[in-house]
Amino acid sequence: MKIVIVDCYTDEPAGLGVPPYLGVYPRYLFGEALANKDEPFYLRIDDLREARKPGQKTDILTFNRTKNTKEVIKEADLIIVIAGIQTPGKYLSAIPGTVKEAARLLAPYNAKKLLAGPSAGLGGQQFGGKKVKSELDYLDGTYLIPNDYKEINKFAPLGVSIVDQIKLPIIAEIELGKGCARKTGCSFCTEPLKNKHEWRKSKEVIKEVIALKAKGVEHFRLGKQSDFFSYPEIEILEKLHNLKLKTLHIDNVDPAIAAKRPEISEAIAKYCTSGNVAALGVESFDEAVIKANNINSSPKQVLDAIMTINKFGAVRGENGLPKFLPGINLILGLLGENKKSLELNLKFLKEILDSGMLFRRINIRQINVFPGTFLAENGGLKYWRKNRKHYFSFRKAVREQIDHEMLKKIVPIGTILKDVFMEVHDGNHTFGRQFGSYPLIVGLNERIELRKFYNIKVTGHMLRSVTGIIQTENLTL
C-alpha cells in the first residue's frame, strides 16, 4: 500500500515538530509503514501550497518543501495528515497548516484521508485566548499513531529513513517520556489527558539517536517529557555525549524538582552542548493563581531552581552562549488571575534580573482551553476576558525592562555565535538561529545565502533578538 504522510507540524507542551524540528509523529508513522511492508512517502504542508511570486521576503509558506513532489499523492492508497498546535507561537521559517487547509488542498485526490496527531485527539489551536474546537469533520476519520513504547521502540529506528526524503538540515525531537507524574495536573495541561506517565528506556533512545546519526542527523533535543529532571536514567547524557553530537539539548523542567536535584543540572552542563535551555513551567508567580490552578512550583522553588541551574550552567560554552540556562514559561488567563498577578510576575522577573542570575528567555502565552481540563470545567476564558486589557502593557514591560537587559548580559556586544543557520530574507535583512532548544534569533543587515551556517559577531540587541555581522563563514552542514 502506498501511504502519504502530510506533516502540518505539531507544537505541544511536551513536543515540538515545527521546522527545522522534525517531530516524532512522522518518524513513527514512517517506521510503522515500513514494518508493515507498505511504501511510505513524506510530504509537508509546504509541498501542497502554491508558491507565491518571488520577492524580497522569503516565502515561508513553501520554504520547507521536501525532496518529494505532491505528484506522489495521485497514486496514494492512504493519506495521513499530522496536525496539532497546542502551544501557539510565531515561527521564523514555517507556517503550520490547519486541518481545514490540508483538507482543502487534498480535496482533488481520491485516497482515503485520515487525521493523526494532537488534532485527532483534543484538537489544536494556533491562537491564544481561544476555546479549542474539534477538527475531525474535515477528513474521513482518524489514525492512531503508535503510542505503546514496545511499538515505538520497533518503529522509531526504522522511521529514520524518512530523512532520505527531506532535503533540509533538521533537529530531531526524541521522545524520552510522556504523561505527568502528578496525581492531578495543572488546570490547563493536556498531557495527563493524552498519556499515562511512562519513561522510555535509555537504551532504546540511544538506539534511535544512533540510527538518525547514521542518516546524517547531528542535532537532537530530548523532549516529549513533562520534566527532564525526573528521568530515572540520567546516565543517558554521558552516553549520548560520547556519540559526539553537534547539538544535544533538553526541554521541559519542573522547577520544584530542579530545585531539589542539583546533580542533574551539573550533568546537563557537563554532557550537553552549549546554548541549552531548561523550559521551567513557572506559569505564574502569584501564589493565589498557583493554588487555583494546581501548579506545582512556588516562587521560592522557582528561584532556587534558577539559582541551581546558573551555578552549573552560566559559564560560556563553545557556541558562544552559556552552557545551560533556565527559560521561564508564563501563561496569561489562568484561574484567579488579576492585575496584581501581572505586577507580581514583573516584580519577580526584575528580582531575578537584579540578582545577577541569568535566564535565556521568557515565553508569555495566552491560555488555550482544551476540553476535559480542569480549566475548561471551572471558568474557561473568564479570567482571560477579564484581564486581557492589561496584557499588552505587561508584555511590553517584560520585553523592554527584562528581556532586553538580560540579552545584554547573555550575549554582550562582540560575542561570537558559532554555527548560526540562516533561514529567511526580509528585504535587505537576513535572519537565522543556532540549532537547539529556544534558539536566539540573529539578524544581519545584508542579504546572504540561506541554509548555510555562519559564525556571527554580535553588534547590537533588540528586545528578543540580536544583530550581528559575519565573522567567519562555515561550510554547509
Protein backbone atom coordinates (compact mmCIF):
# COMPACT_ATOMS: atom_id res chain seq x y z
CA MET A 1 0.00 0.00 0.00
CA LYS A 2 1.26 3.48 -0.85
CA ILE A 3 0.92 5.79 2.16
CA VAL A 4 1.50 9.54 2.01
CA ILE A 5 2.20 11.28 5.32
CA VAL A 6 1.37 15.00 5.19
CA ASP A 7 3.03 16.91 8.04
CA CYS A 8 1.19 20.11 9.06
CA TYR A 9 3.60 20.37 12.05
CA THR A 10 2.92 19.96 15.74
CA ASP A 11 3.75 22.04 18.81
CA GLU A 12 2.66 20.65 22.18
CA PRO A 13 3.53 21.34 25.81
CA ALA A 14 5.60 18.16 25.50
CA GLY A 15 6.97 18.01 21.99
CA LEU A 16 7.94 20.14 19.02
CA GLY A 17 7.72 19.36 15.31
CA VAL A 18 7.82 22.72 13.51
CA PRO A 19 10.79 23.04 11.10
CA PRO A 20 13.68 22.90 11.48
CA TYR A 21 12.49 20.40 14.10
CA LEU A 22 11.39 17.00 12.85
CA GLY A 23 8.82 15.70 15.31
CA VAL A 24 8.33 12.12 16.46
CA TYR A 25 4.95 11.50 14.81
CA PRO A 26 6.11 11.45 11.17
CA ARG A 27 9.01 9.15 12.07
CA TYR A 28 6.81 6.71 13.97
CA LEU A 29 4.29 6.51 11.11
CA PHE A 30 7.05 6.12 8.55
CA GLY A 31 8.59 3.29 10.55
CA GLU A 32 5.23 1.58 11.05
CA ALA A 33 4.58 1.65 7.31
CA LEU A 34 7.96 0.10 6.58
CA ALA A 35 7.40 -2.58 9.23
CA ASN A 36 4.10 -3.44 7.53
CA LYS A 37 5.82 -3.68 4.13
CA ASP A 38 3.98 -0.60 2.88
CA GLU A 39 5.55 2.18 0.81
CA PRO A 40 5.59 5.50 2.73
CA PHE A 41 6.15 8.98 1.32
CA TYR A 42 6.67 12.08 3.41
CA LEU A 43 5.28 15.47 2.40
CA ARG A 44 4.93 18.72 4.27
CA ILE A 45 2.04 21.14 4.02
CA ASP A 46 4.54 23.38 2.18
CA ASP A 47 4.64 20.83 -0.65
CA LEU A 48 0.90 21.22 -1.21
CA ARG A 49 0.78 25.01 -1.16
CA GLU A 50 1.19 27.19 -4.22
CA ALA A 51 4.37 29.24 -4.18
CA ARG A 52 3.95 32.99 -4.17
CA LYS A 53 5.76 35.28 -6.57
CA PRO A 54 9.42 35.72 -5.64
CA GLY A 55 10.01 38.89 -3.69
CA GLN A 56 12.29 40.45 -1.15
CA LYS A 57 10.79 38.34 1.62
CA THR A 58 11.24 34.58 1.94
CA ASP A 59 8.03 32.68 1.25
CA ILE A 60 7.76 30.69 4.48
CA LEU A 61 4.51 29.11 3.26
CA THR A 62 6.60 26.91 0.97
CA PHE A 63 10.11 27.27 2.42
CA ASN A 64 10.20 23.76 3.93
CA ARG A 65 9.38 21.67 0.89
CA THR A 66 10.79 18.15 0.82
CA LYS A 67 12.56 16.19 -1.90
CA ASN A 68 9.21 14.66 -2.85
CA THR A 69 6.60 16.36 -5.00
CA LYS A 70 2.86 16.34 -4.47
CA GLU A 71 2.57 14.11 -7.53
CA VAL A 72 3.10 11.12 -5.21
CA ILE A 73 -0.39 11.75 -3.81
CA LYS A 74 -2.01 10.76 -7.11
CA GLU A 75 -1.08 7.13 -6.56
CA ALA A 76 -1.64 7.06 -2.79
CA ASP A 77 -3.92 4.47 -1.23
CA LEU A 78 -3.96 6.30 2.09
CA ILE A 79 -3.14 9.85 3.16
CA ILE A 80 -2.39 10.54 6.83
CA VAL A 81 -2.42 14.18 7.92
CA ILE A 82 -0.45 15.03 11.08
CA ALA A 83 -1.57 18.24 12.79
CA GLY A 84 -1.96 19.88 16.17
CA ILE A 85 -0.68 23.18 17.55
CA GLN A 86 -1.37 23.24 21.28
CA THR A 87 1.13 25.91 22.36
CA PRO A 88 0.63 28.76 19.89
CA GLY A 89 3.57 30.85 18.86
CA LYS A 90 5.32 32.56 15.96
CA TYR A 91 7.76 30.59 13.86
CA LEU A 92 10.70 32.06 11.97
CA SER A 93 10.62 29.98 8.80
CA ALA A 94 7.41 27.95 8.84
CA ILE A 95 3.64 28.39 8.99
CA PRO A 96 1.89 25.34 10.47
CA GLY A 97 -1.03 24.02 8.47
CA THR A 98 -4.54 23.65 9.83
CA VAL A 99 -6.63 20.56 9.24
CA LYS A 100 -9.06 22.71 7.26
CA GLU A 101 -6.26 23.89 4.98
CA ALA A 102 -4.94 20.37 4.47
CA ALA A 103 -8.43 19.07 3.66
CA ARG A 104 -8.89 21.80 1.04
CA LEU A 105 -5.54 21.12 -0.61
CA LEU A 106 -6.12 17.36 -0.59
CA ALA A 107 -9.70 17.54 -1.90
CA PRO A 108 -8.76 16.74 -5.53
CA TYR A 109 -7.26 13.39 -4.55
CA ASN A 110 -9.29 10.21 -4.16
CA ALA A 111 -7.31 8.36 -1.50
CA LYS A 112 -8.78 7.90 1.96
CA LYS A 113 -7.68 10.79 4.19
CA LEU A 114 -7.20 10.31 7.93
CA LEU A 115 -6.17 12.72 10.69
CA ALA A 116 -3.40 11.90 13.18
CA GLY A 117 -1.55 13.74 15.91
CA PRO A 118 -2.81 16.11 18.63
CA SER A 119 -5.65 17.45 16.45
CA ALA A 120 -7.06 13.94 16.18
CA GLY A 121 -7.43 13.84 19.96
CA LEU A 122 -8.05 17.02 21.93
CA GLY A 123 -7.67 19.31 18.93
CA GLY A 124 -5.35 22.19 18.12
CA GLN A 125 -5.44 25.96 18.21
CA GLN A 126 -2.91 28.31 16.66
CA PHE A 127 -4.00 31.40 18.58
CA GLY A 128 -4.06 32.07 22.34
CA GLY A 129 -7.20 33.08 24.19
CA LYS A 130 -9.40 30.51 22.45
CA LYS A 131 -11.54 27.51 23.20
CA VAL A 132 -10.37 24.54 21.20
CA LYS A 133 -12.80 23.07 18.70
CA SER A 134 -12.73 19.64 17.12
CA GLU A 135 -11.26 19.41 13.62
CA LEU A 136 -12.34 15.83 12.96
CA ASP A 137 -15.05 16.68 10.43
CA TYR A 138 -12.63 17.86 7.74
CA LEU A 139 -11.25 14.40 6.89
CA ASP A 140 -12.55 10.84 6.61
CA GLY A 141 -11.59 9.77 10.12
CA THR A 142 -8.62 9.40 12.46
CA TYR A 143 -5.48 7.30 12.50
CA LEU A 144 -3.89 6.24 15.78
CA ILE A 145 -0.17 6.95 15.86
CA PRO A 146 1.82 4.27 17.73
CA ASN A 147 1.87 5.19 21.41
CA ASP A 148 2.94 2.00 23.16
CA TYR A 149 6.67 2.00 23.82
CA LYS A 150 7.06 -1.57 22.58
CA GLU A 151 5.74 -0.40 19.21
CA ILE A 152 7.63 2.89 19.27
CA ASN A 153 10.92 1.17 20.03
CA LYS A 154 10.34 -1.04 16.99
CA PHE A 155 9.16 1.65 14.59
CA ALA A 156 11.39 4.59 15.59
CA PRO A 157 14.72 3.13 14.32
CA LEU A 158 13.01 2.11 11.07
CA GLY A 159 11.45 5.54 10.72
CA VAL A 160 14.80 7.29 10.38
CA SER A 161 14.60 6.52 6.65
CA ILE A 162 12.23 9.48 6.43
CA VAL A 163 15.36 11.66 6.47
CA ASP A 164 16.15 10.48 2.93
CA GLN A 165 13.02 12.28 1.73
CA ILE A 166 13.86 15.63 3.38
CA LYS A 167 16.36 17.93 1.71
CA LEU A 168 16.85 20.27 4.68
CA PRO A 169 19.00 20.11 7.82
CA ILE A 170 16.86 19.16 10.82
CA ILE A 171 16.97 18.92 14.58
CA ALA A 172 15.31 15.71 15.71
CA GLU A 173 12.90 15.69 18.64
CA ILE A 174 13.50 12.48 20.61
CA GLU A 175 10.84 11.07 22.91
CA LEU A 176 12.08 10.46 26.44
CA GLY A 177 8.80 10.08 28.29
CA LYS A 178 5.14 11.01 28.40
CA GLY A 179 2.35 11.85 30.79
CA CYS A 180 2.67 13.53 34.17
CA ALA A 181 3.86 12.03 37.45
CA ARG A 182 1.45 14.18 39.47
CA LYS A 183 -1.84 12.63 40.51
CA THR A 184 -3.70 15.78 39.46
CA GLY A 185 -2.01 18.01 36.92
CA CYS A 186 -2.14 21.75 36.27
CA SER A 187 -5.56 23.16 35.41
CA PHE A 188 -4.76 23.81 31.75
CA CYS A 189 -2.49 20.92 30.82
CA THR A 190 -3.46 18.31 28.25
CA GLU A 191 -0.59 15.90 28.87
CA PRO A 192 -2.32 13.86 31.64
CA LEU A 193 -5.39 13.56 29.40
CA LYS A 194 -3.40 12.15 26.49
CA ASN A 195 -0.95 9.77 28.12
CA LYS A 196 -0.29 7.70 31.20
CA HIS A 197 3.01 8.57 32.87
CA GLU A 198 5.79 6.43 31.47
CA TRP A 199 9.50 6.66 30.71
CA ARG A 200 11.28 5.25 27.69
CA LYS A 201 14.34 3.08 28.33
CA SER A 202 17.61 4.86 27.66
CA LYS A 203 18.96 2.02 25.52
CA GLU A 204 16.02 2.46 23.11
CA VAL A 205 16.54 6.23 22.96
CA ILE A 206 20.23 5.75 22.20
CA LYS A 207 19.43 3.18 19.51
CA GLU A 208 17.18 5.70 17.74
CA VAL A 209 19.75 8.50 18.02
CA ILE A 210 22.47 6.25 16.56
CA ALA A 211 20.17 5.34 13.66
CA LEU A 212 19.42 9.01 12.95
CA LYS A 213 23.09 9.93 13.20
CA ALA A 214 23.86 7.24 10.62
CA LYS A 215 21.49 9.13 8.30
CA GLY A 216 23.45 12.33 8.81
CA VAL A 217 21.34 13.94 11.57
CA GLU A 218 23.59 15.72 14.08
CA HIS A 219 21.20 17.90 16.11
CA PHE A 220 18.94 16.45 18.83
CA ARG A 221 16.62 17.51 21.61
CA LEU A 222 15.38 15.17 24.32
CA GLY A 223 11.72 16.11 24.55
CA LYS A 224 8.14 14.90 24.95
CA GLN A 225 8.54 14.61 28.76
CA SER A 226 6.90 16.85 31.35
CA ASP A 227 10.05 17.04 33.49
CA PHE A 228 13.51 16.05 32.33
CA PHE A 229 14.89 16.15 35.87
CA SER A 230 12.69 13.19 36.83
CA TYR A 231 14.11 10.88 34.16
CA PRO A 232 15.41 7.82 36.05
CA GLU A 233 18.42 7.04 33.80
CA ILE A 234 20.36 10.28 33.81
CA GLU A 235 23.49 8.43 32.69
CA ILE A 236 21.95 8.66 29.22
CA LEU A 237 23.54 12.10 28.92
CA GLU A 238 27.10 10.79 29.16
CA LYS A 239 26.33 8.01 26.65
CA LEU A 240 24.84 10.49 24.17
CA HIS A 241 27.73 12.88 24.78
CA ASN A 242 30.11 10.13 23.70
CA LEU A 243 28.36 9.98 20.31
CA LYS A 244 29.81 13.46 19.59
CA LEU A 245 26.54 15.05 18.51
CA LYS A 246 26.66 18.67 17.31
CA THR A 247 23.59 19.54 19.37
CA LEU A 248 22.26 17.77 22.45
CA HIS A 249 19.61 19.74 24.33
CA ILE A 250 16.69 19.09 26.67
CA ASP A 251 13.24 20.62 27.08
CA ASN A 252 10.67 20.76 29.90
CA VAL A 253 11.67 21.05 33.56
CA ASP A 254 9.59 21.17 36.75
CA PRO A 255 11.19 23.91 38.93
CA ALA A 256 10.19 22.11 42.14
CA ILE A 257 12.20 19.05 41.08
CA ALA A 258 15.11 21.03 39.65
CA ALA A 259 15.47 22.89 42.96
CA LYS A 260 16.00 19.57 44.76
CA ARG A 261 18.30 17.84 42.26
CA PRO A 262 21.41 19.95 41.59
CA GLU A 263 23.28 16.87 40.35
CA ILE A 264 21.05 16.84 37.26
CA SER A 265 21.93 20.45 36.42
CA GLU A 266 25.59 19.55 36.83
CA ALA A 267 25.27 16.57 34.46
CA ILE A 268 23.39 18.60 31.84
CA ALA A 269 26.01 21.36 31.88
CA LYS A 270 28.78 18.76 31.61
CA TYR A 271 27.43 16.47 28.90
CA CYS A 272 25.05 18.54 26.76
CA THR A 273 26.09 21.12 24.20
CA SER A 274 26.09 24.86 24.82
CA GLY A 275 23.03 27.08 24.48
CA ASN A 276 20.86 24.54 26.29
CA VAL A 277 17.63 25.78 27.91
CA ALA A 278 15.50 24.29 30.70
CA ALA A 279 11.94 25.41 29.97
CA LEU A 280 10.69 25.96 33.51
CA GLY A 281 6.94 25.56 33.96
CA VAL A 282 6.57 28.63 36.16
CA GLU A 283 3.24 29.82 34.65
CA SER A 284 2.72 32.45 37.40
CA PHE A 285 4.49 34.00 40.40
CA ASP A 286 1.17 34.78 42.10
CA GLU A 287 0.61 32.32 44.97
CA ALA A 288 -3.18 32.60 44.63
CA VAL A 289 -3.03 31.73 40.92
CA ILE A 290 -0.61 28.89 41.62
CA LYS A 291 -3.03 27.37 44.12
CA ALA A 292 -6.15 27.89 41.99
CA ASN A 293 -4.51 26.13 39.02
CA ASN A 294 -2.73 23.37 40.96
CA ILE A 295 0.68 24.48 39.67
CA ASN A 296 3.48 22.50 41.25
CA SER A 297 6.13 25.14 41.95
CA SER A 298 6.17 28.02 44.40
CA PRO A 299 8.06 31.27 43.61
CA LYS A 300 10.76 30.23 46.09
CA GLN A 301 11.24 26.88 44.35
CA VAL A 302 11.47 28.66 41.01
CA LEU A 303 14.15 31.00 42.32
CA ASP A 304 16.04 28.07 43.86
CA ALA A 305 15.88 26.19 40.54
CA ILE A 306 17.16 29.22 38.62
CA MET A 307 19.99 29.65 41.11
CA THR A 308 20.97 25.97 40.89
CA ILE A 309 20.96 25.90 37.09
CA ASN A 310 23.04 29.11 37.00
CA LYS A 311 25.57 27.60 39.39
CA PHE A 312 26.50 24.94 36.83
CA GLY A 313 25.39 26.34 33.50
CA ALA A 314 26.07 30.10 33.40
CA VAL A 315 29.64 29.71 32.13
CA ARG A 316 30.01 30.49 28.42
CA GLY A 317 30.27 27.48 26.14
CA GLU A 318 31.76 26.61 22.77
CA ASN A 319 28.97 28.04 20.60
CA GLY A 320 29.11 31.48 22.26
CA LEU A 321 26.14 31.05 24.57
CA PRO A 322 26.16 29.98 28.22
CA LYS A 323 26.19 26.19 28.58
CA PHE A 324 22.82 25.77 30.30
CA LEU A 325 20.29 28.36 31.42
CA PRO A 326 16.72 28.37 32.66
CA GLY A 327 13.88 29.62 30.50
CA ILE A 328 10.69 30.92 32.08
CA ASN A 329 7.22 29.99 30.83
CA LEU A 330 4.32 32.25 31.84
CA ILE A 331 0.65 31.81 30.97
CA LEU A 332 -1.91 34.62 30.89
CA GLY A 333 -5.57 33.99 31.64
CA LEU A 334 -5.26 31.40 34.41
CA LEU A 335 -7.89 30.93 37.12
CA GLY A 336 -7.74 33.63 39.80
CA GLU A 337 -5.59 36.00 37.75
CA ASN A 338 -5.93 39.77 38.18
CA LYS A 339 -3.88 42.88 37.52
CA LYS A 340 -1.90 42.24 40.72
CA SER A 341 -0.85 38.84 39.30
CA LEU A 342 0.83 40.56 36.38
CA GLU A 343 2.52 43.03 38.72
CA LEU A 344 3.87 40.13 40.79
CA ASN A 345 5.19 38.42 37.66
CA LEU A 346 7.05 41.57 36.66
CA LYS A 347 8.34 42.06 40.23
CA PHE A 348 9.86 38.58 40.40
CA LEU A 349 11.39 38.86 36.95
CA LYS A 350 13.06 42.12 37.99
CA GLU A 351 14.37 40.47 41.13
CA ILE A 352 15.99 37.73 39.07
CA LEU A 353 17.49 40.26 36.68
CA ASP A 354 18.84 42.42 39.51
CA SER A 355 20.27 39.39 41.35
CA GLY A 356 22.76 38.75 38.56
CA MET A 357 21.30 35.35 37.70
CA LEU A 358 20.76 34.60 34.02
CA PHE A 359 17.83 33.15 32.14
CA ARG A 360 17.71 32.62 28.40
CA ARG A 361 14.18 33.71 27.51
CA ILE A 362 10.63 34.35 28.78
CA ASN A 363 7.75 32.71 26.95
CA ILE A 364 4.46 34.55 27.54
CA ARG A 365 1.45 32.69 26.20
CA GLN A 366 -2.26 33.33 26.46
CA ILE A 367 -4.30 30.43 27.72
CA ASN A 368 -5.99 27.95 25.40
CA VAL A 369 -8.90 25.99 26.85
CA PHE A 370 -8.90 22.30 25.93
CA PRO A 371 -11.88 20.04 26.60
CA GLY A 372 -11.52 17.78 29.61
CA THR A 373 -9.14 20.03 31.52
CA PHE A 374 -9.94 21.47 34.96
CA LEU A 375 -9.76 24.93 33.40
CA ALA A 376 -12.43 24.08 30.83
CA GLU A 377 -14.81 22.98 33.58
CA ASN A 378 -14.05 25.80 36.03
CA GLY A 379 -14.02 29.16 34.34
CA GLY A 380 -12.58 28.63 30.87
CA LEU A 381 -11.74 32.02 29.37
CA LYS A 382 -13.35 34.02 32.17
CA TYR A 383 -10.12 35.46 33.56
CA TRP A 384 -8.58 35.92 30.13
CA ARG A 385 -11.52 38.10 29.11
CA LYS A 386 -11.33 39.99 32.38
CA ASN A 387 -7.62 40.78 32.20
CA ARG A 388 -6.69 40.87 28.51
CA LYS A 389 -6.79 44.68 28.52
CA HIS A 390 -3.65 44.54 30.70
CA TYR A 391 -1.69 42.06 28.58
CA PHE A 392 -0.18 44.42 26.03
CA SER A 393 1.34 46.71 28.64
CA PHE A 394 2.57 43.70 30.64
CA ARG A 395 4.28 42.15 27.63
CA LYS A 396 5.79 45.50 26.66
CA ALA A 397 7.21 45.96 30.16
CA VAL A 398 8.69 42.45 30.19
CA ARG A 399 10.27 42.83 26.76
CA GLU A 400 11.71 46.30 27.40
CA GLN A 401 12.66 46.07 31.07
CA ILE A 402 13.66 42.42 31.36
CA ASP A 403 14.35 40.66 28.04
CA HIS A 404 16.36 43.48 26.52
CA GLU A 405 18.54 43.92 29.60
CA MET A 406 19.03 40.17 30.02
CA LEU A 407 20.18 39.77 26.43
CA LYS A 408 22.96 42.28 27.05
CA LYS A 409 24.24 40.03 29.82
CA ILE A 410 23.89 36.75 27.95
CA VAL A 411 25.46 37.90 24.66
CA PRO A 412 27.44 41.12 25.14
CA ILE A 413 28.47 43.06 22.04
CA GLY A 414 31.44 41.31 20.49
CA THR A 415 30.26 37.78 21.38
CA ILE A 416 30.89 35.26 18.58
CA LEU A 417 27.89 32.98 17.99
CA LYS A 418 29.02 29.89 16.12
CA ASP A 419 27.05 27.91 13.52
CA VAL A 420 24.09 30.24 13.07
CA PHE A 421 21.82 28.71 10.42
CA MET A 422 20.49 31.50 8.20
CA GLU A 423 16.88 30.83 7.27
CA VAL A 424 14.95 33.79 5.85
CA HIS A 425 15.28 37.07 4.00
CA ASP A 426 13.21 40.14 4.78
CA GLY A 427 14.12 42.93 2.40
CA ASN A 428 17.83 43.61 2.78
CA HIS A 429 17.98 41.68 6.05
CA THR A 430 18.71 38.02 6.81
CA PHE A 431 17.58 36.16 9.92
CA GLY A 432 18.72 32.88 11.41
CA ARG A 433 19.43 30.98 14.61
CA GLN A 434 21.54 28.20 16.03
CA PHE A 435 20.02 24.72 16.25
CA GLY A 436 18.75 23.88 19.72
CA SER A 437 16.09 24.49 22.34
CA TYR A 438 14.64 28.02 22.09
CA PRO A 439 17.46 29.42 19.95
CA LEU A 440 18.24 33.12 19.82
CA ILE A 441 17.25 34.86 16.57
CA VAL A 442 20.13 36.68 14.89
CA GLY A 443 19.59 39.40 12.26
CA LEU A 444 22.05 40.70 9.68
CA ASN A 445 21.71 43.97 7.77
CA GLU A 446 22.52 42.29 4.49
CA ARG A 447 21.17 39.54 2.24
CA ILE A 448 23.34 36.45 2.40
CA GLU A 449 22.91 32.91 1.13
CA LEU A 450 20.33 30.95 3.10
CA ARG A 451 20.56 27.44 4.51
CA LYS A 452 24.20 27.79 5.41
CA PHE A 453 25.88 28.00 8.80
CA TYR A 454 27.83 31.15 9.71
CA ASN A 455 29.77 32.47 12.67
CA ILE A 456 28.25 35.80 13.70
CA LYS A 457 29.71 38.60 15.80
CA VAL A 458 27.05 40.33 17.92
CA THR A 459 26.80 44.08 17.24
CA GLY A 460 23.54 45.05 18.95
CA HIS A 461 20.49 43.99 20.93
CA MET A 462 16.81 44.12 20.08
CA LEU A 463 14.04 43.23 22.55
CA ARG A 464 14.29 39.47 21.98
CA SER A 465 16.96 39.10 19.31
CA VAL A 466 20.42 40.35 18.38
CA THR A 467 22.04 41.92 15.34
CA GLY A 468 25.41 40.92 14.01
CA ILE A 469 27.94 40.69 11.21
CA ILE A 470 29.57 37.66 9.63
CA GLN A 471 32.75 36.67 11.40
CA THR A 472 33.73 33.51 9.57
CA GLU A 473 31.64 31.60 7.04
CA ASN A 474 31.36 27.85 7.58
CA LEU A 475 30.64 25.20 5.00
CA THR A 476 27.08 23.94 4.66
CA LEU A 477 26.50 21.12 7.13
